[in-house]
Amino acid sequence: MYGNPTVVAMRRIQGELRDWLKSAPEGCALESYDPLTNWVIIMQGPEGGMGMARLYEGEVFRLQIRFPDRYPLEAPEVVFLPESPIHPHIYTNGHICLDILYDGVNGGWSPALTVSKVCLSLRSMLASNTDKTRPPGDQAYCRRVGERSPKLTRWAFDDDSV
């Protein structure tokens, strides 16, 4: 799954890195990409205005992106590094309940998506939130899964409100 990327995966990751370095998504900066298959991104909390909440304005978060060997056919692993945003779809351990981050029957990952688009989706998710709380069962989930990949969780995507 990780550690031996295909030629297609490496070309795609290199292309996304080139595009990112030319024009990073608003509010995002690349902290590191060494190795090339493991990025750390600095994400500014979105500013409020135009009907958007100001819950995360002035906050800074770090995201880790791990590219699987078969990227972009498989979704990257995306987690917030500590301290993760307090949000109804983001667990204390950094796991994110967002369909585009996962493969499978209920997942919404598509090879047409990029890390830049994922970052825009995450900032939008933060900007539209009006309730700075953790997901129901946060502590129990974090105890149960520990440090394992969020891609091993069977997510139920049933809340479009935040």
N, C-alpha and C. Protein backbone atom coordinates (compact mmCIF):
# COMPACT_ATOMS: atom_id res chain seq x y z
N MET A 1 0.81 -1.18 0.00
CA MET A 1 0.00 0.00 0.00
C MET A 1 0.86 1.26 0.00
N TYR A 2 1.91 1.30 0.83
CA TYR A 2 2.81 2.45 0.89
C TYR A 2 4.25 1.95 0.81
N GLY A 3 5.08 2.69 0.08
CA GLY A 3 6.50 2.36 0.06
C GLY A 3 7.05 1.94 -1.28
N ASN A 4 6.19 1.61 -2.25
CA ASN A 4 6.67 1.20 -3.56
C ASN A 4 5.73 1.75 -4.63
N PRO A 5 5.71 3.09 -4.81
CA PRO A 5 4.77 3.69 -5.75
C PRO A 5 5.05 3.31 -7.20
N THR A 6 3.98 3.18 -7.96
CA THR A 6 4.11 2.89 -9.38
C THR A 6 4.68 4.11 -10.10
N VAL A 7 5.10 3.89 -11.33
CA VAL A 7 5.59 4.99 -12.17
C VAL A 7 4.48 6.02 -12.38
N VAL A 8 3.26 5.53 -12.59
CA VAL A 8 2.11 6.42 -12.77
C VAL A 8 1.91 7.28 -11.53
N ALA A 9 2.00 6.66 -10.35
CA ALA A 9 1.82 7.40 -9.10
C ALA A 9 2.89 8.48 -8.96
N MET A 10 4.14 8.14 -9.22
CA MET A 10 5.22 9.11 -9.06
C MET A 10 5.06 10.28 -10.05
N ARG A 11 4.68 9.99 -11.27
CA ARG A 11 4.47 11.08 -12.25
C ARG A 11 3.34 11.99 -11.80
N ARG A 12 2.27 11.40 -11.31
CA ARG A 12 1.13 12.19 -10.86
C ARG A 12 1.51 13.05 -9.66
N ILE A 13 2.19 12.49 -8.68
CA ILE A 13 2.61 13.23 -7.49
C ILE A 13 3.55 14.37 -7.89
N GLN A 14 4.50 14.09 -8.77
CA GLN A 14 5.42 15.13 -9.23
C GLN A 14 4.67 16.25 -9.95
N GLY A 15 3.67 15.89 -10.75
CA GLY A 15 2.86 16.90 -11.45
C GLY A 15 2.07 17.75 -10.47
N GLU A 16 1.49 17.11 -9.45
CA GLU A 16 0.74 17.87 -8.45
C GLU A 16 1.67 18.79 -7.65
N LEU A 17 2.87 18.30 -7.36
CA LEU A 17 3.84 19.14 -6.64
C LEU A 17 4.21 20.36 -7.48
N ARG A 18 4.47 20.14 -8.77
CA ARG A 18 4.79 21.25 -9.68
C ARG A 18 3.66 22.28 -9.69
N ASP A 19 2.42 21.80 -9.84
CA ASP A 19 1.26 22.70 -9.85
C ASP A 19 1.13 23.44 -8.52
N TRP A 20 1.32 22.72 -7.41
CA TRP A 20 1.21 23.33 -6.08
C TRP A 20 2.23 24.45 -5.93
N LEU A 21 3.49 24.17 -6.33
CA LEU A 21 4.54 25.17 -6.16
C LEU A 21 4.30 26.41 -7.02
N LYS A 22 3.60 26.24 -8.14
CA LYS A 22 3.23 27.39 -8.99
C LYS A 22 2.08 28.17 -8.38
N SER A 23 1.10 27.45 -7.83
CA SER A 23 -0.11 28.10 -7.34
C SER A 23 -0.77 27.24 -6.26
N ALA A 24 -0.34 27.46 -5.02
CA ALA A 24 -0.92 26.71 -3.89
C ALA A 24 -2.34 27.18 -3.63
N PRO A 25 -3.19 26.30 -3.10
CA PRO A 25 -4.54 26.71 -2.74
C PRO A 25 -4.50 27.82 -1.69
N GLU A 26 -5.50 28.67 -1.73
CA GLU A 26 -5.58 29.77 -0.77
C GLU A 26 -5.52 29.26 0.67
N GLY A 27 -4.70 29.90 1.48
CA GLY A 27 -4.61 29.55 2.89
C GLY A 27 -3.79 28.31 3.17
N CYS A 28 -3.07 27.79 2.17
CA CYS A 28 -2.30 26.56 2.35
C CYS A 28 -0.86 26.75 1.89
N ALA A 29 0.06 26.10 2.59
CA ALA A 29 1.47 26.13 2.22
C ALA A 29 2.05 24.74 2.46
N LEU A 30 3.00 24.39 1.64
CA LEU A 30 3.65 23.09 1.77
C LEU A 30 4.82 23.22 2.74
N GLU A 31 4.76 22.49 3.85
CA GLU A 31 5.84 22.52 4.83
C GLU A 31 6.97 21.59 4.41
N SER A 32 6.60 20.39 3.95
CA SER A 32 7.62 19.44 3.52
C SER A 32 7.02 18.44 2.53
N TYR A 33 7.90 17.87 1.74
CA TYR A 33 7.51 16.81 0.81
C TYR A 33 8.68 15.85 0.61
N ASP A 34 9.28 15.47 1.73
CA ASP A 34 10.39 14.55 1.72
C ASP A 34 10.10 13.45 2.73
N PRO A 35 9.84 12.24 2.25
CA PRO A 35 9.89 11.79 0.87
C PRO A 35 8.72 12.36 0.06
N LEU A 36 8.85 12.26 -1.24
CA LEU A 36 7.86 12.82 -2.16
C LEU A 36 6.46 12.26 -1.92
N THR A 37 6.38 11.08 -1.35
CA THR A 37 5.08 10.43 -1.12
C THR A 37 4.47 10.78 0.24
N ASN A 38 5.07 11.71 0.95
CA ASN A 38 4.55 12.11 2.26
C ASN A 38 4.68 13.63 2.40
N TRP A 39 3.55 14.33 2.25
CA TRP A 39 3.54 15.79 2.34
C TRP A 39 3.00 16.23 3.68
N VAL A 40 3.51 17.35 4.16
CA VAL A 40 2.92 18.02 5.32
C VAL A 40 2.53 19.42 4.85
N ILE A 41 1.28 19.76 5.08
CA ILE A 41 0.71 21.03 4.61
C ILE A 41 0.29 21.86 5.81
N ILE A 42 0.62 23.15 5.75
CA ILE A 42 0.16 24.11 6.75
C ILE A 42 -1.12 24.72 6.19
N MET A 43 -2.18 24.67 6.99
CA MET A 43 -3.48 25.20 6.55
C MET A 43 -3.95 26.28 7.52
N GLN A 44 -4.20 27.45 7.00
CA GLN A 44 -4.76 28.54 7.79
C GLN A 44 -6.26 28.29 7.97
N GLY A 45 -6.76 28.58 9.16
CA GLY A 45 -8.20 28.53 9.35
C GLY A 45 -8.85 29.56 8.44
N PRO A 46 -9.95 29.21 7.79
CA PRO A 46 -10.58 30.15 6.85
C PRO A 46 -11.09 31.40 7.56
N GLU A 47 -10.98 32.52 6.87
CA GLU A 47 -11.51 33.77 7.39
C GLU A 47 -13.02 33.77 7.23
N GLY A 48 -13.69 34.45 8.13
CA GLY A 48 -15.14 34.55 8.04
C GLY A 48 -15.54 35.61 7.04
N GLY A 49 -16.82 35.84 6.95
CA GLY A 49 -17.35 36.85 6.04
C GLY A 49 -18.29 36.25 5.03
N MET A 50 -19.14 37.07 4.44
CA MET A 50 -20.10 36.63 3.42
C MET A 50 -20.91 35.42 3.90
N GLY A 51 -21.37 35.49 5.15
CA GLY A 51 -22.19 34.42 5.68
C GLY A 51 -21.42 33.22 6.21
N MET A 52 -20.09 33.27 6.14
CA MET A 52 -19.28 32.15 6.62
C MET A 52 -18.92 32.37 8.08
N ALA A 53 -18.84 31.29 8.83
CA ALA A 53 -18.49 31.36 10.25
C ALA A 53 -17.02 31.77 10.40
N ARG A 54 -16.71 32.36 11.54
CA ARG A 54 -15.34 32.78 11.85
C ARG A 54 -14.71 31.88 12.90
N LEU A 55 -15.19 30.66 13.02
CA LEU A 55 -14.76 29.77 14.09
C LEU A 55 -13.27 29.46 14.09
N TYR A 56 -12.65 29.40 12.93
CA TYR A 56 -11.26 28.97 12.83
C TYR A 56 -10.32 30.09 12.38
N GLU A 57 -10.84 31.29 12.26
CA GLU A 57 -10.04 32.42 11.80
C GLU A 57 -8.86 32.62 12.75
N GLY A 58 -7.67 32.76 12.19
CA GLY A 58 -6.46 32.96 12.98
C GLY A 58 -5.81 31.67 13.46
N GLU A 59 -6.48 30.54 13.29
CA GLU A 59 -5.90 29.26 13.71
C GLU A 59 -5.07 28.67 12.56
N VAL A 60 -4.11 27.84 12.91
CA VAL A 60 -3.25 27.19 11.92
C VAL A 60 -3.23 25.70 12.21
N PHE A 61 -3.38 24.90 11.17
CA PHE A 61 -3.42 23.45 11.30
C PHE A 61 -2.39 22.82 10.38
N ARG A 62 -2.01 21.59 10.71
CA ARG A 62 -1.08 20.84 9.86
C ARG A 62 -1.78 19.56 9.39
N LEU A 63 -1.64 19.30 8.11
CA LEU A 63 -2.21 18.10 7.49
C LEU A 63 -1.08 17.20 7.01
N GLN A 64 -1.24 15.92 7.18
CA GLN A 64 -0.31 14.97 6.59
C GLN A 64 -1.02 14.24 5.45
N ILE A 65 -0.36 14.20 4.29
CA ILE A 65 -0.88 13.50 3.12
C ILE A 65 0.10 12.37 2.80
N ARG A 66 -0.39 11.14 2.83
CA ARG A 66 0.43 9.99 2.45
C ARG A 66 -0.16 9.41 1.18
N PHE A 67 0.65 9.36 0.14
CA PHE A 67 0.20 8.85 -1.15
C PHE A 67 0.40 7.34 -1.20
N PRO A 68 -0.66 6.59 -1.54
CA PRO A 68 -0.51 5.14 -1.67
C PRO A 68 0.22 4.78 -2.97
N ASP A 69 0.69 3.57 -3.04
CA ASP A 69 1.45 3.12 -4.20
C ASP A 69 0.66 3.23 -5.50
N ARG A 70 -0.66 3.11 -5.43
CA ARG A 70 -1.48 3.14 -6.65
C ARG A 70 -2.21 4.48 -6.84
N TYR A 71 -1.68 5.54 -6.25
CA TYR A 71 -2.26 6.86 -6.44
C TYR A 71 -2.18 7.22 -7.92
N PRO A 72 -3.15 7.84 -8.52
CA PRO A 72 -4.39 8.40 -8.01
C PRO A 72 -5.58 7.43 -8.06
N LEU A 73 -5.32 6.17 -8.39
CA LEU A 73 -6.43 5.21 -8.41
C LEU A 73 -6.96 4.97 -7.01
N GLU A 74 -6.10 5.13 -6.01
CA GLU A 74 -6.50 5.02 -4.61
C GLU A 74 -6.36 6.38 -3.95
N ALA A 75 -7.24 6.68 -3.03
CA ALA A 75 -7.21 7.95 -2.31
C ALA A 75 -5.96 8.05 -1.44
N PRO A 76 -5.43 9.26 -1.28
CA PRO A 76 -4.34 9.43 -0.32
C PRO A 76 -4.88 9.33 1.11
N GLU A 77 -3.99 9.04 2.04
CA GLU A 77 -4.37 9.08 3.45
C GLU A 77 -4.17 10.52 3.92
N VAL A 78 -5.23 11.13 4.43
CA VAL A 78 -5.19 12.52 4.85
C VAL A 78 -5.62 12.60 6.31
N VAL A 79 -4.74 13.14 7.16
CA VAL A 79 -5.06 13.31 8.58
C VAL A 79 -4.53 14.66 9.05
N PHE A 80 -5.23 15.23 10.01
CA PHE A 80 -4.71 16.41 10.68
C PHE A 80 -3.71 15.94 11.72
N LEU A 81 -2.57 16.62 11.78
CA LEU A 81 -1.60 16.35 12.83
C LEU A 81 -2.03 17.14 14.07
N PRO A 82 -1.60 16.71 15.27
CA PRO A 82 -2.05 17.41 16.48
C PRO A 82 -1.66 18.89 16.45
N GLU A 83 -2.49 19.69 16.91
CA GLU A 83 -3.85 19.64 17.38
C GLU A 83 -4.79 19.79 16.19
N SER A 84 -5.69 18.86 16.06
CA SER A 84 -6.64 18.90 14.95
C SER A 84 -7.74 19.92 15.26
N PRO A 85 -8.38 20.47 14.21
CA PRO A 85 -9.48 21.41 14.45
C PRO A 85 -10.62 20.74 15.22
N ILE A 86 -11.28 21.51 16.05
CA ILE A 86 -12.47 21.01 16.75
C ILE A 86 -13.64 21.19 15.79
N HIS A 87 -14.14 20.08 15.29
CA HIS A 87 -15.15 20.08 14.22
C HIS A 87 -15.97 18.80 14.33
N PRO A 88 -17.25 18.84 14.02
CA PRO A 88 -18.09 17.64 14.14
C PRO A 88 -17.68 16.46 13.25
N HIS A 89 -16.79 16.69 12.26
CA HIS A 89 -16.34 15.60 11.39
C HIS A 89 -14.85 15.33 11.48
N ILE A 90 -14.20 15.91 12.50
CA ILE A 90 -12.76 15.71 12.67
C ILE A 90 -12.51 15.19 14.08
N TYR A 91 -11.93 14.01 14.16
CA TYR A 91 -11.69 13.38 15.45
C TYR A 91 -10.41 13.92 16.09
N THR A 92 -10.30 13.77 17.38
CA THR A 92 -9.15 14.25 18.13
C THR A 92 -7.84 13.70 17.57
N ASN A 93 -7.85 12.46 17.07
CA ASN A 93 -6.64 11.85 16.51
C ASN A 93 -6.34 12.32 15.08
N GLY A 94 -7.12 13.28 14.56
CA GLY A 94 -6.86 13.84 13.24
C GLY A 94 -7.61 13.17 12.10
N HIS A 95 -8.32 12.08 12.37
CA HIS A 95 -9.08 11.41 11.32
C HIS A 95 -10.24 12.30 10.88
N ILE A 96 -10.52 12.29 9.59
CA ILE A 96 -11.51 13.18 9.00
C ILE A 96 -12.60 12.34 8.34
N CYS A 97 -13.83 12.62 8.69
CA CYS A 97 -14.97 11.94 8.09
C CYS A 97 -15.46 12.81 6.93
N LEU A 98 -14.89 12.57 5.76
CA LEU A 98 -15.24 13.31 4.53
C LEU A 98 -15.14 12.32 3.37
N ASP A 99 -16.23 12.12 2.66
CA ASP A 99 -16.30 11.04 1.67
C ASP A 99 -15.22 11.08 0.61
N ILE A 100 -14.78 12.26 0.16
CA ILE A 100 -13.80 12.30 -0.93
C ILE A 100 -12.43 11.76 -0.52
N LEU A 101 -12.23 11.49 0.76
CA LEU A 101 -10.94 10.98 1.23
C LEU A 101 -10.87 9.46 1.22
N TYR A 102 -11.95 8.81 0.77
CA TYR A 102 -11.99 7.36 0.89
C TYR A 102 -12.46 6.68 -0.39
N ASP A 103 -11.89 5.49 -0.63
CA ASP A 103 -12.28 4.64 -1.74
C ASP A 103 -13.47 3.80 -1.33
N GLY A 104 -14.01 3.06 -2.26
CA GLY A 104 -15.02 2.07 -1.90
C GLY A 104 -16.44 2.49 -2.24
N VAL A 105 -17.37 1.66 -1.78
CA VAL A 105 -18.78 1.81 -2.10
C VAL A 105 -19.30 3.18 -1.66
N ASN A 106 -19.00 3.58 -0.42
CA ASN A 106 -19.51 4.85 0.09
C ASN A 106 -18.54 6.00 -0.12
N GLY A 107 -17.31 5.69 -0.46
CA GLY A 107 -16.30 6.74 -0.64
C GLY A 107 -16.53 7.52 -1.91
N GLY A 108 -16.06 8.74 -1.92
CA GLY A 108 -16.25 9.60 -3.07
C GLY A 108 -14.96 9.99 -3.77
N TRP A 109 -13.85 9.27 -3.46
CA TRP A 109 -12.59 9.58 -4.11
C TRP A 109 -12.68 9.33 -5.60
N SER A 110 -12.08 10.22 -6.38
CA SER A 110 -11.98 10.07 -7.82
C SER A 110 -10.57 10.44 -8.24
N PRO A 111 -9.98 9.72 -9.21
CA PRO A 111 -8.65 10.09 -9.69
C PRO A 111 -8.59 11.51 -10.26
N ALA A 112 -9.75 12.11 -10.54
CA ALA A 112 -9.77 13.50 -11.02
C ALA A 112 -9.46 14.49 -9.89
N LEU A 113 -9.58 14.05 -8.63
CA LEU A 113 -9.27 14.93 -7.50
C LEU A 113 -7.76 15.05 -7.32
N THR A 114 -7.36 16.14 -6.70
CA THR A 114 -5.95 16.40 -6.41
C THR A 114 -5.81 16.81 -4.94
N VAL A 115 -4.60 16.87 -4.46
CA VAL A 115 -4.37 17.34 -3.09
C VAL A 115 -4.85 18.78 -2.95
N SER A 116 -4.66 19.59 -3.96
CA SER A 116 -5.16 20.98 -3.91
C SER A 116 -6.66 21.01 -3.74
N LYS A 117 -7.38 20.18 -4.47
CA LYS A 117 -8.84 20.13 -4.35
C LYS A 117 -9.27 19.60 -2.98
N VAL A 118 -8.53 18.65 -2.45
CA VAL A 118 -8.82 18.13 -1.11
C VAL A 118 -8.66 19.25 -0.08
N CYS A 119 -7.59 20.03 -0.20
CA CYS A 119 -7.36 21.13 0.74
C CYS A 119 -8.48 22.18 0.64
N LEU A 120 -8.90 22.49 -0.57
CA LEU A 120 -10.01 23.43 -0.73
C LEU A 120 -11.28 22.88 -0.09
N SER A 121 -11.53 21.60 -0.24
CA SER A 121 -12.71 20.98 0.38
C SER A 121 -12.64 21.04 1.90
N LEU A 122 -11.45 20.79 2.46
CA LEU A 122 -11.30 20.84 3.91
C LEU A 122 -11.48 22.26 4.45
N ARG A 123 -10.93 23.25 3.75
CA ARG A 123 -11.12 24.63 4.20
C ARG A 123 -12.59 25.04 4.09
N SER A 124 -13.26 24.57 3.05
CA SER A 124 -14.69 24.84 2.90
C SER A 124 -15.48 24.18 4.02
N MET A 125 -15.11 22.96 4.37
CA MET A 125 -15.77 22.25 5.46
C MET A 125 -15.62 23.03 6.76
N LEU A 126 -14.43 23.57 7.01
CA LEU A 126 -14.21 24.37 8.21
C LEU A 126 -15.01 25.67 8.15
N ALA A 127 -15.00 26.32 6.99
CA ALA A 127 -15.67 27.62 6.84
C ALA A 127 -17.18 27.51 7.04
N SER A 128 -17.77 26.39 6.67
CA SER A 128 -19.22 26.25 6.75
C SER A 128 -19.70 25.75 8.11
N ASN A 129 -18.77 25.36 8.98
CA ASN A 129 -19.16 24.83 10.29
C ASN A 129 -19.65 25.95 11.21
N THR A 130 -20.70 25.66 11.97
CA THR A 130 -21.23 26.63 12.92
C THR A 130 -21.19 26.11 14.36
N ASP A 131 -20.66 24.89 14.56
CA ASP A 131 -20.67 24.28 15.88
C ASP A 131 -19.31 23.67 16.16
N LYS A 132 -18.51 24.35 16.96
CA LYS A 132 -17.15 23.89 17.24
C LYS A 132 -17.19 22.80 18.32
N THR A 133 -17.53 21.58 17.88
CA THR A 133 -17.59 20.42 18.77
C THR A 133 -16.94 19.23 18.09
N ARG A 134 -16.61 18.23 18.87
CA ARG A 134 -16.06 16.98 18.33
C ARG A 134 -17.22 16.08 17.90
N PRO A 135 -16.91 15.09 17.04
CA PRO A 135 -17.95 14.14 16.62
C PRO A 135 -18.46 13.32 17.81
N PRO A 136 -19.71 12.87 17.73
CA PRO A 136 -20.22 11.97 18.77
C PRO A 136 -19.32 10.73 18.85
N GLY A 137 -18.99 10.31 20.05
CA GLY A 137 -18.16 9.12 20.22
C GLY A 137 -16.69 9.33 19.93
N ASP A 138 -16.23 10.57 19.92
CA ASP A 138 -14.84 10.89 19.59
C ASP A 138 -13.83 10.11 20.42
N GLN A 139 -13.96 10.17 21.73
CA GLN A 139 -12.98 9.51 22.60
C GLN A 139 -12.99 7.99 22.43
N ALA A 140 -14.16 7.41 22.32
CA ALA A 140 -14.26 5.96 22.13
C ALA A 140 -13.63 5.56 20.79
N TYR A 141 -13.91 6.33 19.74
CA TYR A 141 -13.32 6.04 18.43
C TYR A 141 -11.80 6.11 18.51
N CYS A 142 -11.28 7.17 19.10
CA CYS A 142 -9.83 7.35 19.17
C CYS A 142 -9.17 6.23 19.97
N ARG A 143 -9.79 5.79 21.06
CA ARG A 143 -9.25 4.66 21.84
C ARG A 143 -9.27 3.38 21.01
N ARG A 144 -10.34 3.17 20.26
CA ARG A 144 -10.51 1.94 19.48
C ARG A 144 -9.52 1.85 18.32
N VAL A 145 -9.31 2.93 17.58
CA VAL A 145 -8.48 2.85 16.38
C VAL A 145 -7.03 3.21 16.62
N GLY A 146 -6.75 3.95 17.69
CA GLY A 146 -5.37 4.32 17.98
C GLY A 146 -4.74 5.07 16.82
N GLU A 147 -3.58 4.63 16.40
CA GLU A 147 -2.81 5.30 15.35
C GLU A 147 -3.00 4.69 13.97
N ARG A 148 -3.88 3.72 13.85
CA ARG A 148 -4.03 3.07 12.54
C ARG A 148 -4.61 4.05 11.51
N SER A 149 -4.50 3.70 10.27
CA SER A 149 -4.95 4.55 9.17
C SER A 149 -6.46 4.76 9.20
N PRO A 150 -6.91 5.99 8.94
CA PRO A 150 -8.35 6.23 8.86
C PRO A 150 -8.98 5.49 7.69
N LYS A 151 -8.17 5.08 6.73
CA LYS A 151 -8.69 4.35 5.58
C LYS A 151 -9.17 2.94 5.96
N LEU A 152 -8.84 2.50 7.16
CA LEU A 152 -9.30 1.19 7.64
C LEU A 152 -10.64 1.28 8.36
N THR A 153 -11.14 2.49 8.56
CA THR A 153 -12.43 2.70 9.22
C THR A 153 -13.55 2.59 8.21
N ARG A 154 -14.66 2.02 8.62
CA ARG A 154 -15.86 1.96 7.76
C ARG A 154 -16.72 3.17 8.10
N TRP A 155 -16.56 4.21 7.31
CA TRP A 155 -17.26 5.47 7.56
C TRP A 155 -18.68 5.43 7.03
N ALA A 156 -19.57 6.14 7.70
CA ALA A 156 -20.95 6.34 7.23
C ALA A 156 -21.11 7.83 6.96
N PHE A 157 -21.28 8.19 5.70
CA PHE A 157 -21.37 9.60 5.32
C PHE A 157 -22.83 9.97 5.19
N ASP A 158 -23.37 10.53 6.27
CA ASP A 158 -24.80 10.82 6.27
C ASP A 158 -25.12 12.25 6.70
N ASP A 159 -24.11 13.10 6.84
CA ASP A 159 -24.34 14.46 7.31
C ASP A 159 -23.70 15.44 6.36
N ASP A 160 -24.52 16.12 5.55
CA ASP A 160 -24.02 17.11 4.61
C ASP A 160 -24.05 18.52 5.17
N SER A 161 -24.48 18.68 6.42
CA SER A 161 -24.73 20.02 6.95
C SER A 161 -23.46 20.77 7.34
N VAL A 162 -22.34 20.10 7.57
CA VAL A 162 -21.11 20.79 7.94
C VAL A 162 -19.94 20.27 7.13
